N, C-alpha and C. Protein backbone atom coordinates (compact mmCIF):
# COMPACT_ATOMS: atom_id res chain seq x y z
N MET A 1 12.15 87.18 45.57
CA MET A 1 11.41 88.18 44.83
C MET A 1 10.61 89.09 45.77
N LYS A 2 10.10 88.53 46.85
CA LYS A 2 9.30 89.38 47.74
C LYS A 2 10.17 90.45 48.37
N TRP A 3 11.45 90.15 48.58
CA TRP A 3 12.34 91.15 49.18
C TRP A 3 12.59 92.27 48.20
N PHE A 4 12.77 91.91 46.94
CA PHE A 4 13.02 92.92 45.91
C PHE A 4 11.84 93.87 45.81
N SER A 5 10.63 93.32 45.76
CA SER A 5 9.44 94.18 45.62
C SER A 5 9.18 95.00 46.88
N ALA A 6 9.72 94.57 48.02
CA ALA A 6 9.54 95.33 49.26
C ALA A 6 10.48 96.52 49.35
N LEU A 7 11.50 96.55 48.49
CA LEU A 7 12.46 97.65 48.51
C LEU A 7 11.91 98.87 47.78
N ASP A 8 12.39 100.05 48.20
CA ASP A 8 12.04 101.26 47.47
C ASP A 8 12.93 101.35 46.22
N GLY A 9 12.72 102.35 45.43
CA GLY A 9 13.46 102.51 44.17
C GLY A 9 14.96 102.56 44.36
N GLU A 10 15.42 103.27 45.38
CA GLU A 10 16.87 103.36 45.63
C GLU A 10 17.43 102.00 46.04
N GLY A 11 16.72 101.29 46.89
CA GLY A 11 17.16 99.96 47.33
C GLY A 11 17.22 98.97 46.18
N ARG A 12 16.23 99.03 45.29
CA ARG A 12 16.23 98.16 44.11
C ARG A 12 17.43 98.46 43.21
N GLY A 13 17.69 99.75 43.05
CA GLY A 13 18.85 100.15 42.23
C GLY A 13 20.15 99.64 42.82
N GLN A 14 20.29 99.72 44.14
CA GLN A 14 21.51 99.23 44.80
C GLN A 14 21.63 97.72 44.66
N LEU A 15 20.51 97.02 44.82
CA LEU A 15 20.52 95.57 44.68
C LEU A 15 20.90 95.16 43.26
N LEU A 16 20.36 95.84 42.27
CA LEU A 16 20.71 95.54 40.88
C LEU A 16 22.17 95.87 40.59
N ALA A 17 22.68 96.95 41.15
CA ALA A 17 24.09 97.30 40.96
C ALA A 17 24.98 96.23 41.57
N PHE A 18 24.61 95.72 42.73
CA PHE A 18 25.39 94.67 43.36
C PHE A 18 25.32 93.38 42.54
N ALA A 19 24.15 93.08 42.00
CA ALA A 19 24.00 91.89 41.15
C ALA A 19 24.88 92.00 39.91
N GLU A 20 24.94 93.20 39.31
CA GLU A 20 25.81 93.41 38.16
C GLU A 20 27.27 93.23 38.53
N PHE A 21 27.64 93.72 39.70
CA PHE A 21 29.01 93.56 40.19
C PHE A 21 29.34 92.07 40.34
N LEU A 22 28.47 91.31 40.97
CA LEU A 22 28.71 89.88 41.15
C LEU A 22 28.75 89.15 39.81
N TYR A 23 27.90 89.54 38.91
CA TYR A 23 27.87 88.93 37.58
C TYR A 23 29.20 89.15 36.87
N GLY A 24 29.77 90.32 37.00
CA GLY A 24 31.06 90.62 36.37
C GLY A 24 32.22 89.85 36.96
N ARG A 25 32.09 89.38 38.19
CA ARG A 25 33.17 88.64 38.86
C ARG A 25 33.11 87.14 38.60
N ARG A 26 32.05 86.66 37.99
CA ARG A 26 31.90 85.22 37.81
C ARG A 26 32.99 84.68 36.89
N PRO A 27 33.38 83.42 37.12
CA PRO A 27 34.38 82.83 36.21
C PRO A 27 33.77 82.67 34.82
N ARG A 28 34.54 83.01 33.86
CA ARG A 28 34.05 82.89 32.48
C ARG A 28 34.71 81.72 31.80
N LYS A 29 33.91 81.02 31.01
CA LYS A 29 34.45 79.92 30.22
C LYS A 29 35.26 80.52 29.08
N PRO A 30 36.43 79.95 28.82
CA PRO A 30 37.17 80.45 27.67
C PRO A 30 36.41 80.14 26.39
N GLU A 31 36.42 81.09 25.50
CA GLU A 31 35.74 80.89 24.23
C GLU A 31 36.56 79.94 23.37
N VAL A 32 35.89 78.96 22.80
CA VAL A 32 36.59 78.01 21.94
C VAL A 32 36.90 78.72 20.63
N VAL A 33 38.16 78.80 20.36
CA VAL A 33 38.64 79.48 19.16
C VAL A 33 39.47 78.47 18.37
N GLU A 34 39.19 78.39 17.11
CA GLU A 34 39.99 77.52 16.25
C GLU A 34 41.27 78.28 15.86
N PRO A 35 42.35 77.55 15.67
CA PRO A 35 43.60 78.22 15.26
C PRO A 35 43.42 78.92 13.91
N ARG A 36 44.10 80.03 13.78
CA ARG A 36 44.12 80.77 12.50
C ARG A 36 45.08 80.05 11.57
N GLU A 37 44.63 79.75 10.40
CA GLU A 37 45.50 79.08 9.43
C GLU A 37 46.37 80.12 8.72
N ILE A 38 47.63 80.18 9.12
CA ILE A 38 48.59 81.05 8.45
C ILE A 38 49.57 80.12 7.75
N PRO A 39 49.59 80.12 6.44
CA PRO A 39 50.45 79.17 5.71
C PRO A 39 51.93 79.34 6.06
N ARG A 40 52.59 78.22 6.12
CA ARG A 40 54.03 78.21 6.40
C ARG A 40 54.79 78.51 5.11
N PRO A 41 55.65 79.52 5.14
CA PRO A 41 56.46 79.80 3.96
C PRO A 41 57.45 78.67 3.69
N THR A 42 57.91 78.58 2.46
CA THR A 42 58.86 77.51 2.12
C THR A 42 60.15 77.66 2.91
N GLU A 43 60.60 78.88 3.09
CA GLU A 43 61.77 79.13 3.93
C GLU A 43 61.36 80.10 5.02
N GLU A 44 61.61 79.68 6.27
CA GLU A 44 61.17 80.49 7.40
C GLU A 44 62.18 80.37 8.52
N SER A 45 62.52 81.49 9.12
CA SER A 45 63.43 81.45 10.27
C SER A 45 62.66 80.96 11.49
N VAL A 46 63.39 80.54 12.49
CA VAL A 46 62.78 80.05 13.72
C VAL A 46 62.01 81.17 14.40
N VAL A 47 62.57 82.36 14.43
CA VAL A 47 61.91 83.50 15.06
C VAL A 47 60.60 83.82 14.34
N LYS A 48 60.62 83.84 13.02
CA LYS A 48 59.39 84.13 12.27
C LYS A 48 58.37 83.02 12.46
N ALA A 49 58.83 81.79 12.59
CA ALA A 49 57.90 80.68 12.83
C ALA A 49 57.21 80.84 14.19
N ILE A 50 57.98 81.25 15.19
CA ILE A 50 57.39 81.46 16.52
C ILE A 50 56.33 82.56 16.45
N ARG A 51 56.63 83.64 15.73
CA ARG A 51 55.66 84.72 15.57
C ARG A 51 54.41 84.22 14.84
N ARG A 52 54.61 83.48 13.76
CA ARG A 52 53.48 82.96 12.98
C ARG A 52 52.62 82.04 13.82
N LEU A 53 53.26 81.14 14.57
CA LEU A 53 52.51 80.20 15.39
C LEU A 53 51.81 80.89 16.56
N SER A 54 52.44 81.92 17.11
CA SER A 54 51.78 82.70 18.17
C SER A 54 50.54 83.39 17.65
N GLU A 55 50.60 83.88 16.41
CA GLU A 55 49.43 84.49 15.79
C GLU A 55 48.38 83.44 15.43
N SER A 56 48.83 82.26 15.06
CA SER A 56 47.91 81.18 14.70
C SER A 56 47.16 80.64 15.91
N TYR A 57 47.80 80.68 17.07
CA TYR A 57 47.23 80.12 18.29
C TYR A 57 47.14 81.20 19.38
N PRO A 58 46.34 82.25 19.16
CA PRO A 58 46.28 83.34 20.13
C PRO A 58 45.66 82.93 21.46
N MET A 59 44.94 81.81 21.48
CA MET A 59 44.27 81.38 22.71
C MET A 59 45.23 80.75 23.71
N LEU A 60 46.42 80.41 23.29
CA LEU A 60 47.37 79.73 24.18
C LEU A 60 48.07 80.73 25.10
N ASP A 61 48.32 80.27 26.30
CA ASP A 61 49.08 81.05 27.28
C ASP A 61 50.54 80.97 26.86
N ARG A 62 51.09 82.08 26.45
CA ARG A 62 52.48 82.07 25.95
C ARG A 62 53.47 81.61 27.00
N GLY A 63 53.16 81.87 28.26
CA GLY A 63 54.05 81.42 29.33
C GLY A 63 54.17 79.92 29.38
N LYS A 64 53.10 79.22 29.04
CA LYS A 64 53.12 77.76 29.07
C LYS A 64 53.97 77.15 27.96
N VAL A 65 54.05 77.83 26.82
CA VAL A 65 54.84 77.30 25.71
C VAL A 65 56.25 77.89 25.66
N LEU A 66 56.50 78.91 26.49
CA LEU A 66 57.78 79.62 26.44
C LEU A 66 58.97 78.71 26.70
N HIS A 67 58.90 77.88 27.72
CA HIS A 67 60.04 77.03 28.09
C HIS A 67 60.43 76.11 26.93
N GLU A 68 59.45 75.41 26.39
CA GLU A 68 59.74 74.48 25.30
C GLU A 68 60.17 75.22 24.03
N THR A 69 59.56 76.37 23.79
CA THR A 69 59.92 77.17 22.62
C THR A 69 61.37 77.64 22.73
N SER A 70 61.76 78.10 23.91
CA SER A 70 63.13 78.59 24.09
C SER A 70 64.14 77.44 24.00
N MET A 71 63.75 76.25 24.45
CA MET A 71 64.65 75.10 24.31
C MET A 71 64.90 74.79 22.83
N LEU A 72 63.83 74.82 22.04
CA LEU A 72 63.99 74.56 20.60
C LEU A 72 64.81 75.66 19.94
N MET A 73 64.59 76.90 20.34
CA MET A 73 65.36 78.01 19.78
C MET A 73 66.84 77.84 20.11
N SER A 74 67.15 77.45 21.33
CA SER A 74 68.56 77.28 21.70
C SER A 74 69.19 76.09 20.98
N GLN A 75 68.41 75.07 20.68
CA GLN A 75 68.95 73.96 19.88
C GLN A 75 69.38 74.46 18.51
N HIS A 76 68.62 75.38 17.98
CA HIS A 76 68.95 75.94 16.67
C HIS A 76 70.16 76.86 16.76
N VAL A 77 70.14 77.78 17.72
CA VAL A 77 71.19 78.79 17.81
C VAL A 77 72.49 78.21 18.37
N MET A 78 72.39 77.48 19.46
CA MET A 78 73.59 77.01 20.16
C MET A 78 74.16 75.70 19.60
N GLN A 79 73.26 74.83 19.13
CA GLN A 79 73.71 73.51 18.68
C GLN A 79 73.69 73.37 17.16
N GLY A 80 73.23 74.39 16.47
CA GLY A 80 73.25 74.36 15.01
C GLY A 80 72.21 73.46 14.37
N ARG A 81 71.17 73.14 15.10
CA ARG A 81 70.11 72.30 14.54
C ARG A 81 69.43 73.06 13.40
N PRO A 82 69.18 72.42 12.27
CA PRO A 82 68.59 73.13 11.12
C PRO A 82 67.23 73.75 11.44
N ALA A 83 67.02 74.94 10.92
CA ALA A 83 65.79 75.69 11.18
C ALA A 83 64.56 74.90 10.77
N VAL A 84 64.61 74.22 9.65
CA VAL A 84 63.43 73.49 9.16
C VAL A 84 63.00 72.41 10.17
N GLU A 85 63.96 71.75 10.81
CA GLU A 85 63.63 70.74 11.83
C GLU A 85 63.02 71.39 13.07
N VAL A 86 63.60 72.49 13.48
CA VAL A 86 63.10 73.20 14.66
C VAL A 86 61.69 73.73 14.40
N VAL A 87 61.45 74.26 13.22
CA VAL A 87 60.12 74.77 12.88
C VAL A 87 59.11 73.62 12.87
N ASP A 88 59.51 72.45 12.35
CA ASP A 88 58.63 71.28 12.39
C ASP A 88 58.24 70.96 13.84
N ASP A 89 59.23 70.98 14.72
CA ASP A 89 58.97 70.68 16.13
C ASP A 89 58.13 71.78 16.79
N LEU A 90 58.35 73.02 16.39
CA LEU A 90 57.54 74.11 16.93
C LEU A 90 56.07 73.94 16.54
N GLU A 91 55.84 73.53 15.30
CA GLU A 91 54.46 73.32 14.87
C GLU A 91 53.81 72.20 15.68
N LEU A 92 54.55 71.12 15.93
CA LEU A 92 54.03 70.04 16.76
C LEU A 92 53.76 70.52 18.19
N LEU A 93 54.67 71.32 18.71
CA LEU A 93 54.54 71.85 20.06
C LEU A 93 53.27 72.69 20.20
N PHE A 94 53.04 73.60 19.26
CA PHE A 94 51.86 74.45 19.34
C PHE A 94 50.59 73.63 19.15
N ARG A 95 50.61 72.64 18.25
CA ARG A 95 49.43 71.78 18.07
C ARG A 95 49.13 71.01 19.35
N ARG A 96 50.17 70.50 20.00
CA ARG A 96 49.98 69.74 21.24
C ARG A 96 49.39 70.63 22.33
N HIS A 97 49.94 71.82 22.48
CA HIS A 97 49.42 72.74 23.49
C HIS A 97 47.98 73.15 23.18
N TYR A 98 47.67 73.31 21.89
CA TYR A 98 46.29 73.63 21.52
C TYR A 98 45.37 72.46 21.90
N GLY A 99 45.80 71.24 21.63
CA GLY A 99 45.01 70.06 21.99
C GLY A 99 44.76 69.99 23.48
N GLU A 100 45.78 70.28 24.28
CA GLU A 100 45.63 70.28 25.74
C GLU A 100 44.67 71.39 26.18
N TRP A 101 44.82 72.57 25.57
CA TRP A 101 43.94 73.69 25.90
C TRP A 101 42.50 73.35 25.55
N ARG A 102 42.31 72.78 24.36
CA ARG A 102 40.96 72.43 23.90
C ARG A 102 40.34 71.39 24.82
N GLN A 103 41.14 70.41 25.25
CA GLN A 103 40.63 69.38 26.16
C GLN A 103 40.19 69.99 27.48
N SER A 104 40.98 70.95 28.00
CA SER A 104 40.61 71.58 29.28
C SER A 104 39.32 72.38 29.13
N VAL A 105 39.14 73.04 27.99
CA VAL A 105 37.91 73.79 27.74
C VAL A 105 36.73 72.83 27.65
N ASP A 106 36.90 71.74 26.91
CA ASP A 106 35.83 70.76 26.77
C ASP A 106 35.46 70.14 28.11
N GLU A 107 36.46 69.84 28.94
CA GLU A 107 36.20 69.28 30.27
C GLU A 107 35.45 70.28 31.15
N ALA A 108 35.84 71.55 31.07
CA ALA A 108 35.17 72.59 31.85
C ALA A 108 33.71 72.72 31.42
N GLU A 109 33.47 72.65 30.12
CA GLU A 109 32.09 72.72 29.63
C GLU A 109 31.29 71.51 30.10
N GLY A 110 31.93 70.33 30.14
CA GLY A 110 31.26 69.13 30.62
C GLY A 110 30.92 69.24 32.09
N GLU A 111 31.82 69.81 32.88
CA GLU A 111 31.56 70.00 34.30
C GLU A 111 30.43 71.00 34.52
N ASP A 112 30.40 72.06 33.71
CA ASP A 112 29.33 73.05 33.82
C ASP A 112 27.99 72.41 33.48
N ALA A 113 27.97 71.61 32.42
CA ALA A 113 26.72 70.96 32.02
C ALA A 113 26.25 69.99 33.09
N ALA A 114 27.17 69.24 33.69
CA ALA A 114 26.81 68.30 34.76
C ALA A 114 26.27 69.05 35.96
N ALA A 115 26.87 70.20 36.29
CA ALA A 115 26.41 71.00 37.43
C ALA A 115 25.00 71.53 37.17
N GLU A 116 24.73 71.92 35.93
CA GLU A 116 23.39 72.41 35.61
C GLU A 116 22.35 71.29 35.75
N ILE A 117 22.72 70.10 35.31
CA ILE A 117 21.80 68.95 35.38
C ILE A 117 21.52 68.57 36.84
N THR A 118 22.57 68.53 37.64
CA THR A 118 22.42 68.11 39.04
C THR A 118 21.99 69.25 39.94
N GLY A 119 22.00 70.46 39.41
CA GLY A 119 21.61 71.62 40.22
C GLY A 119 22.70 72.09 41.15
N GLY A 120 23.97 71.67 40.88
CA GLY A 120 25.06 72.08 41.78
C GLY A 120 26.01 72.92 41.16
């Protein structure tokens, strides 16, 4: 604080601008978002289910679910697996990924709280 008060107006402004810059670069905790409840239609194509689930779980990294989603899609298209079974598995897949995401957020919050307590 003594250094700040020793600065002239221009120096204080530069120091505050730098502090704002550093503040903007800090890692941010992901906001905990609950999935959007979009009801499943009685008849739904696999593509529409993927769209619905992507909208229901916007917090998920689509790249992380892409591989498993495309495997399920190919089971439907290439192997003739019924859409209703694939959609059931897609719902389980998105729920599992949400659970993993939520756990990582909760663990990060726990680490932040521990760091605040220990001063580290």
